Amino acid sequence: MEEIKVERKNLAKRIAMSFFGVIICAISVGIFKIAALGVDPFQSLMAGLDVLIPLDFGLLYIIVNVILLSFALIFDRHYIGIATFINLFLLGYITQFSYEFFQTIIVNPSIFVRIICLLVGVVIICFGSAFYITADLGVSTYDAVALIICNTWKKGKFQFVRPITDFVCVILGVSLFLIAGGRAAAILTIAGAGTIITAFFMGPLIEFFNVHIARPILSK
């Protein structure tokens, strides 16, 4: 009986960590959008779709993720968990709310302020990702795509496949942005320094927060 109580408490803590991690990540994306110096590869795709398709970002995010969820359910549902659905239904709307809120307090930011926002966004997204990953209750539908290609289809190693899926997202996002009438000069707002940083340099910072904050909280 005592073991069951412990398991329930542990599950409740992991669910809470997943909620917290997704919320923090969503807020960070709003900050990235204020910085307008590039977002992570998947959000580059979403930014291109957001310009092309006249829907609220929150609803559009759910539609795209439902499509990716269908892919995961067909080929390997092992990667789908509670956190997957938390991400699916919350991240888009929280990102939209955060961006609209930050626009009211950071009006016409200078390049210095935008760089500060970018750096803050990187730290926050890594902090949130550490909680989300440590909770281990499923991955995002986008993460599942690369994992299925590697582990289910055996088509390559993750460290090679993931950069390819990221590259495809960025190319699609930029292409959709231009098709929708976006200015070439504005491409760096969805595929810029922030995209490079999140694609290649997030790992060490996420692991730092994992080791020093997320894992100790889960183990207590």
Foldseek 3Di string as FASTA:
>chain_A
DVVVVVVVVLLVLLLVLLLQLLLLLLLLLLLLLVLLQAAALLVLLLLLVPLQDPDQQQVVQLVVQVVLCVVCVVQPCPQDFPSQVSNNNPSRVSNSVSNVVVCVVQPPHDNVVSVVSLVVSLLRNLLSVLSNVLSSGHDHSLVSVLVCVCPVVVPDDSVPSVVVSSVVSNVNSLVSNVVSPHDPVSSSSHHHPSHVCVVPPSVVSSVVSNVPPNVVVSVD
